[in-house]
PDB file of all heavy atoms in Angstrom:
ATOM      1  N   SER A   1      -2.856  17.598 -12.584  1.00  0.00           N
ATOM      2  CA  SER A   1      -2.541  18.864 -11.925  1.00  0.00           C
ATOM      3  C   SER A   1      -3.703  19.340 -11.058  1.00  0.00           C
ATOM      4  O   SER A   1      -3.486  19.882  -9.957  1.00  0.00           O
ATOM      5  CB  SER A   1      -2.189  19.930 -12.967  1.00  0.00           C
ATOM      6  OG  SER A   1      -1.056  19.542 -13.719  1.00  0.00           O
ATOM      7  N   MET A   2      -4.925  19.118 -11.533  1.00  0.00           N
ATOM      8  CA  MET A   2      -6.102  19.510 -10.759  1.00  0.00           C
ATOM      9  C   MET A   2      -6.235  18.659  -9.495  1.00  0.00           C
ATOM     10  O   MET A   2      -6.681  19.135  -8.452  1.00  0.00           O
ATOM     11  CB  MET A   2      -7.351  19.368 -11.627  1.00  0.00           C
ATOM     12  CG  MET A   2      -7.387  20.346 -12.797  1.00  0.00           C
ATOM     13  SD  MET A   2      -8.634  19.909 -14.045  1.00  0.00           S
ATOM     14  CE  MET A   2     -10.143  20.209 -13.130  1.00  0.00           C
ATOM     15  N   ILE A   3      -5.832  17.400  -9.577  1.00  0.00           N
ATOM     16  CA  ILE A   3      -5.954  16.482  -8.442  1.00  0.00           C
ATOM     17  C   ILE A   3      -4.896  16.768  -7.382  1.00  0.00           C
ATOM     18  O   ILE A   3      -5.189  16.845  -6.190  1.00  0.00           O
ATOM     19  CB  ILE A   3      -5.852  15.022  -8.928  1.00  0.00           C
ATOM     20  CG1 ILE A   3      -7.077  14.656  -9.778  1.00  0.00           C
ATOM     21  CG2 ILE A   3      -5.726  14.063  -7.748  1.00  0.00           C
ATOM     22  CD1 ILE A   3      -6.932  13.349 -10.540  1.00  0.00           C
ATOM     23  N   VAL A   4      -3.641  16.911  -7.802  1.00  0.00           N
ATOM     24  CA  VAL A   4      -2.555  17.052  -6.812  1.00  0.00           C
ATOM     25  C   VAL A   4      -2.418  18.475  -6.310  1.00  0.00           C
ATOM     26  O   VAL A   4      -1.839  18.710  -5.249  1.00  0.00           O
ATOM     27  CB  VAL A   4      -1.207  16.549  -7.372  1.00  0.00           C
ATOM     28  CG1 VAL A   4      -1.319  15.112  -7.836  1.00  0.00           C
ATOM     29  CG2 VAL A   4      -0.693  17.437  -8.501  1.00  0.00           C
ATOM     30  N   ASN A   5      -2.916  19.440  -7.082  1.00  0.00           N
ATOM     31  CA  ASN A   5      -2.821  20.839  -6.697  1.00  0.00           C
ATOM     32  C   ASN A   5      -1.366  21.233  -6.516  1.00  0.00           C
ATOM     33  O   ASN A   5      -0.559  21.007  -7.404  1.00  0.00           O
ATOM     34  CB  ASN A   5      -3.644  21.128  -5.439  1.00  0.00           C
ATOM     35  CG  ASN A   5      -4.824  22.030  -5.719  1.00  0.00           C
ATOM     36  OD1 ASN A   5      -4.725  22.957  -6.506  1.00  0.00           O
ATOM     37  ND2 ASN A   5      -5.937  21.734  -5.081  1.00  0.00           N
ATOM     38  N   ASP A   6      -1.016  21.781  -5.346  1.00  0.00           N
ATOM     39  CA  ASP A   6       0.358  22.245  -5.155  1.00  0.00           C
ATOM     40  C   ASP A   6       1.216  21.239  -4.399  1.00  0.00           C
ATOM     41  O   ASP A   6       2.321  21.564  -3.952  1.00  0.00           O
ATOM     42  CB  ASP A   6       0.369  23.592  -4.429  1.00  0.00           C
ATOM     43  CG  ASP A   6      -0.324  23.538  -3.069  1.00  0.00           C
ATOM     44  OD1 ASP A   6      -0.904  22.483  -2.732  1.00  0.00           O
ATOM     45  OD2 ASP A   6      -0.295  24.562  -2.352  1.00  0.00           O
ATOM     46  N   ARG A   7       0.748  20.002  -4.249  1.00  0.00           N
ATOM     47  CA  ARG A   7       1.542  18.986  -3.563  1.00  0.00           C
ATOM     48  C   ARG A   7       2.689  18.504  -4.443  1.00  0.00           C
ATOM     49  O   ARG A   7       2.583  18.495  -5.674  1.00  0.00           O
ATOM     50  CB  ARG A   7       0.645  17.811  -3.150  1.00  0.00           C
ATOM     51  CG  ARG A   7      -0.318  18.165  -2.019  1.00  0.00           C
ATOM     52  CD  ARG A   7      -1.265  17.021  -1.722  1.00  0.00           C
ATOM     53  NE  ARG A   7      -2.256  16.827  -2.765  1.00  0.00           N
ATOM     54  CZ  ARG A   7      -3.137  15.839  -2.791  1.00  0.00           C
ATOM     55  NH1 ARG A   7      -3.127  14.912  -1.831  1.00  0.00           N
ATOM     56  NH2 ARG A   7      -4.006  15.747  -3.775  1.00  0.00           N
ATOM     57  N   LEU A   8       3.778  18.098  -3.809  1.00  0.00           N
ATOM     58  CA  LEU A   8       4.960  17.645  -4.539  1.00  0.00           C
ATOM     59  C   LEU A   8       4.715  16.267  -5.140  1.00  0.00           C
ATOM     60  O   LEU A   8       4.161  15.373  -4.495  1.00  0.00           O
ATOM     61  CB  LEU A   8       6.163  17.579  -3.607  1.00  0.00           C
ATOM     62  CG  LEU A   8       6.654  18.920  -3.045  1.00  0.00           C
ATOM     63  CD1 LEU A   8       7.694  18.685  -1.955  1.00  0.00           C
ATOM     64  CD2 LEU A   8       7.240  19.786  -4.155  1.00  0.00           C
ATOM     65  N   VAL A   9       5.145  16.092  -6.386  1.00  0.00           N
ATOM     66  CA  VAL A   9       5.052  14.790  -7.058  1.00  0.00           C
ATOM     67  C   VAL A   9       6.449  14.393  -7.524  1.00  0.00           C
ATOM     68  O   VAL A   9       7.007  14.986  -8.448  1.00  0.00           O
ATOM     69  CB  VAL A   9       4.088  14.821  -8.260  1.00  0.00           C
ATOM     70  CG1 VAL A   9       3.986  13.421  -8.886  1.00  0.00           C
ATOM     71  CG2 VAL A   9       2.707  15.320  -7.847  1.00  0.00           C
ATOM     72  N   TRP A  10       7.012  13.406  -6.854  1.00  0.00           N
ATOM     73  CA  TRP A  10       8.273  12.809  -7.266  1.00  0.00           C
ATOM     74  C   TRP A  10       7.983  11.607  -8.162  1.00  0.00           C
ATOM     75  O   TRP A  10       6.892  11.046  -8.126  1.00  0.00           O
ATOM     76  CB  TRP A  10       9.058  12.337  -6.046  1.00  0.00           C
ATOM     77  CG  TRP A  10       9.657  13.425  -5.229  1.00  0.00           C
ATOM     78  CD1 TRP A  10       9.010  14.258  -4.357  1.00  0.00           C
ATOM     79  CD2 TRP A  10      11.040  13.804  -5.192  1.00  0.00           C
ATOM     80  NE1 TRP A  10       9.896  15.127  -3.781  1.00  0.00           N
ATOM     81  CE2 TRP A  10      11.151  14.868  -4.266  1.00  0.00           C
ATOM     82  CE3 TRP A  10      12.184  13.326  -5.834  1.00  0.00           C
ATOM     83  CZ2 TRP A  10      12.380  15.470  -3.982  1.00  0.00           C
ATOM     84  CZ3 TRP A  10      13.402  13.926  -5.546  1.00  0.00           C
ATOM     85  CH2 TRP A  10      13.490  14.992  -4.635  1.00  0.00           C
ATOM     86  N   ALA A  11       8.960  11.225  -8.950  1.00  0.00           N
ATOM     87  CA  ALA A  11       8.816  10.021  -9.769  1.00  0.00           C
ATOM     88  C   ALA A  11      10.130   9.262  -9.808  1.00  0.00           C
ATOM     89  O   ALA A  11      11.208   9.864  -9.922  1.00  0.00           O
ATOM     90  CB  ALA A  11       8.365  10.355 -11.180  1.00  0.00           C
ATOM     91  N   LEU A  12      10.024   7.969  -9.673  1.00  0.00           N
ATOM     92  CA  LEU A  12      11.143   7.063  -9.926  1.00  0.00           C
ATOM     93  C   LEU A  12      10.818   6.365 -11.237  1.00  0.00           C
ATOM     94  O   LEU A  12       9.980   5.467 -11.289  1.00  0.00           O
ATOM     95  CB  LEU A  12      11.288   6.062  -8.792  1.00  0.00           C
ATOM     96  CG  LEU A  12      12.394   5.001  -8.933  1.00  0.00           C
ATOM     97  CD1 LEU A  12      13.755   5.651  -9.161  1.00  0.00           C
ATOM     98  CD2 LEU A  12      12.438   4.097  -7.720  1.00  0.00           C
ATOM     99  N   THR A  13      11.428   6.843 -12.313  1.00  0.00           N
ATOM    100  CA  THR A  13      11.173   6.277 -13.628  1.00  0.00           C
ATOM    101  C   THR A  13      12.246   5.257 -13.974  1.00  0.00           C
ATOM    102  O   THR A  13      13.416   5.405 -13.596  1.00  0.00           O
ATOM    103  CB  THR A  13      11.122   7.359 -14.724  1.00  0.00           C
ATOM    104  OG1 THR A  13      12.341   8.114 -14.711  1.00  0.00           O
ATOM    105  CG2 THR A  13       9.946   8.300 -14.504  1.00  0.00           C
ATOM    106  N   THR A  14      11.837   4.236 -14.686  1.00  0.00           N
ATOM    107  CA  THR A  14      12.767   3.209 -15.143  1.00  0.00           C
ATOM    108  C   THR A  14      12.468   2.874 -16.596  1.00  0.00           C
ATOM    109  O   THR A  14      11.372   3.130 -17.107  1.00  0.00           O
ATOM    110  CB  THR A  14      12.645   1.915 -14.301  1.00  0.00           C
ATOM    111  OG1 THR A  14      11.279   1.477 -14.310  1.00  0.00           O
ATOM    112  CG2 THR A  14      13.090   2.144 -12.875  1.00  0.00           C
ATOM    113  N   ILE A  15      13.445   2.316 -17.240  1.00  0.00           N
ATOM    114  CA  ILE A  15      13.257   1.641 -18.523  1.00  0.00           C
ATOM    115  C   ILE A  15      13.765   0.234 -18.307  1.00  0.00           C
ATOM    116  O   ILE A  15      14.928   0.034 -17.927  1.00  0.00           O
ATOM    117  CB  ILE A  15      14.021   2.325 -19.666  1.00  0.00           C
ATOM    118  CG1 ILE A  15      13.587   3.785 -19.806  1.00  0.00           C
ATOM    119  CG2 ILE A  15      13.796   1.577 -20.990  1.00  0.00           C
ATOM    120  CD1 ILE A  15      14.424   4.590 -20.796  1.00  0.00           C
ATOM    121  N   THR A  16      12.893  -0.745 -18.496  1.00  0.00           N
ATOM    122  CA  THR A  16      13.258  -2.121 -18.184  1.00  0.00           C
ATOM    123  C   THR A  16      13.002  -3.039 -19.373  1.00  0.00           C
ATOM    124  O   THR A  16      12.258  -2.708 -20.302  1.00  0.00           O
ATOM    125  CB  THR A  16      12.461  -2.657 -16.980  1.00  0.00           C
ATOM    126  OG1 THR A  16      11.075  -2.784 -17.337  1.00  0.00           O
ATOM    127  CG2 THR A  16      12.571  -1.727 -15.778  1.00  0.00           C
ATOM    128  N   ASN A  17      13.602  -4.199 -19.295  1.00  0.00           N
ATOM    129  CA  ASN A  17      13.310  -5.275 -20.230  1.00  0.00           C
ATOM    130  C   ASN A  17      13.525  -6.595 -19.505  1.00  0.00           C
ATOM    131  O   ASN A  17      14.599  -6.833 -18.950  1.00  0.00           O
ATOM    132  CB  ASN A  17      14.207  -5.215 -21.468  1.00  0.00           C
ATOM    133  CG  ASN A  17      13.892  -6.340 -22.445  1.00  0.00           C
ATOM    134  OD1 ASN A  17      12.733  -6.639 -22.701  1.00  0.00           O
ATOM    135  ND2 ASN A  17      14.932  -6.959 -22.977  1.00  0.00           N
ATOM    136  N   ALA A  18      12.475  -7.420 -19.481  1.00  0.00           N
ATOM    137  CA  ALA A  18      12.542  -8.740 -18.845  1.00  0.00           C
ATOM    138  C   ALA A  18      13.058  -8.661 -17.408  1.00  0.00           C
ATOM    139  O   ALA A  18      13.864  -9.488 -16.978  1.00  0.00           O
ATOM    140  CB  ALA A  18      13.407  -9.677 -19.681  1.00  0.00           C
ATOM    141  N   GLY A  19      12.593  -7.647 -16.672  1.00  0.00           N
ATOM    142  CA  GLY A  19      12.975  -7.511 -15.277  1.00  0.00           C
ATOM    143  C   GLY A  19      14.300  -6.822 -15.047  1.00  0.00           C
ATOM    144  O   GLY A  19      14.674  -6.556 -13.901  1.00  0.00           O
ATOM    145  N   GLN A  20      15.032  -6.510 -16.108  1.00  0.00           N
ATOM    146  CA  GLN A  20      16.306  -5.816 -15.989  1.00  0.00           C
ATOM    147  C   GLN A  20      16.086  -4.311 -16.078  1.00  0.00           C
ATOM    148  O   GLN A  20      15.359  -3.834 -16.951  1.00  0.00           O
ATOM    149  CB  GLN A  20      17.272  -6.235 -17.098  1.00  0.00           C
ATOM    150  CG  GLN A  20      17.650  -7.697 -17.074  1.00  0.00           C
ATOM    151  CD  GLN A  20      18.666  -8.004 -18.155  1.00  0.00           C
ATOM    152  OE1 GLN A  20      19.631  -7.275 -18.353  1.00  0.00           O
ATOM    153  NE2 GLN A  20      18.446  -9.090 -18.864  1.00  0.00           N
ATOM    154  N   ILE A  21      16.701  -3.571 -15.196  1.00  0.00           N
ATOM    155  CA  ILE A  21      16.617  -2.111 -15.215  1.00  0.00           C
ATOM    156  C   ILE A  21      17.760  -1.583 -16.072  1.00  0.00           C
ATOM    157  O   ILE A  21      18.938  -1.742 -15.750  1.00  0.00           O
ATOM    158  CB  ILE A  21      16.685  -1.544 -13.787  1.00  0.00           C
ATOM    159  CG1 ILE A  21      15.479  -2.040 -12.985  1.00  0.00           C
ATOM    160  CG2 ILE A  21      16.722  -0.017 -13.817  1.00  0.00           C
ATOM    161  CD1 ILE A  21      15.566  -1.761 -11.507  1.00  0.00           C
ATOM    162  N   LEU A  22      17.403  -0.974 -17.190  1.00  0.00           N
ATOM    163  CA  LEU A  22      18.395  -0.484 -18.145  1.00  0.00           C
ATOM    164  C   LEU A  22      18.719   0.990 -17.945  1.00  0.00           C
ATOM    165  O   LEU A  22      19.775   1.465 -18.383  1.00  0.00           O
ATOM    166  CB  LEU A  22      17.895  -0.689 -19.580  1.00  0.00           C
ATOM    167  CG  LEU A  22      17.354  -2.071 -19.938  1.00  0.00           C
ATOM    168  CD1 LEU A  22      16.950  -2.114 -21.400  1.00  0.00           C
ATOM    169  CD2 LEU A  22      18.392  -3.147 -19.637  1.00  0.00           C
ATOM    170  N   TRP A  23      17.788   1.707 -17.301  1.00  0.00           N
ATOM    171  CA  TRP A  23      17.948   3.165 -17.129  1.00  0.00           C
ATOM    172  C   TRP A  23      17.008   3.589 -16.016  1.00  0.00           C
ATOM    173  O   TRP A  23      15.945   2.982 -15.817  1.00  0.00           O
ATOM    174  CB  TRP A  23      17.573   3.860 -18.439  1.00  0.00           C
ATOM    175  CG  TRP A  23      17.760   5.361 -18.456  1.00  0.00           C
ATOM    176  CD1 TRP A  23      18.835   6.045 -18.936  1.00  0.00           C
ATOM    177  CD2 TRP A  23      16.834   6.353 -17.979  1.00  0.00           C
ATOM    178  NE1 TRP A  23      18.650   7.396 -18.783  1.00  0.00           N
ATOM    179  CE2 TRP A  23      17.420   7.614 -18.199  1.00  0.00           C
ATOM    180  CE3 TRP A  23      15.582   6.300 -17.385  1.00  0.00           C
ATOM    181  CZ2 TRP A  23      16.798   8.809 -17.854  1.00  0.00           C
ATOM    182  CZ3 TRP A  23      14.941   7.479 -17.028  1.00  0.00           C
ATOM    183  CH2 TRP A  23      15.546   8.720 -17.268  1.00  0.00           C
ATOM    184  N   SER A  24      17.360   4.632 -15.268  1.00  0.00           N
ATOM    185  CA  SER A  24      16.495   5.096 -14.194  1.00  0.00           C
ATOM    186  C   SER A  24      16.763   6.562 -13.882  1.00  0.00           C
ATOM    187  O   SER A  24      17.867   7.078 -14.127  1.00  0.00           O
ATOM    188  CB  SER A  24      16.684   4.254 -12.936  1.00  0.00           C
ATOM    189  OG  SER A  24      15.795   4.642 -11.906  1.00  0.00           O
TER     190      SER A  24
END
């Protein structure tokens, strides 16, 4: 929070196994 300040932080989160995307 101290580093980014008020800049927007988006995230593309995944849950994977062996290269397969199970959730995002």
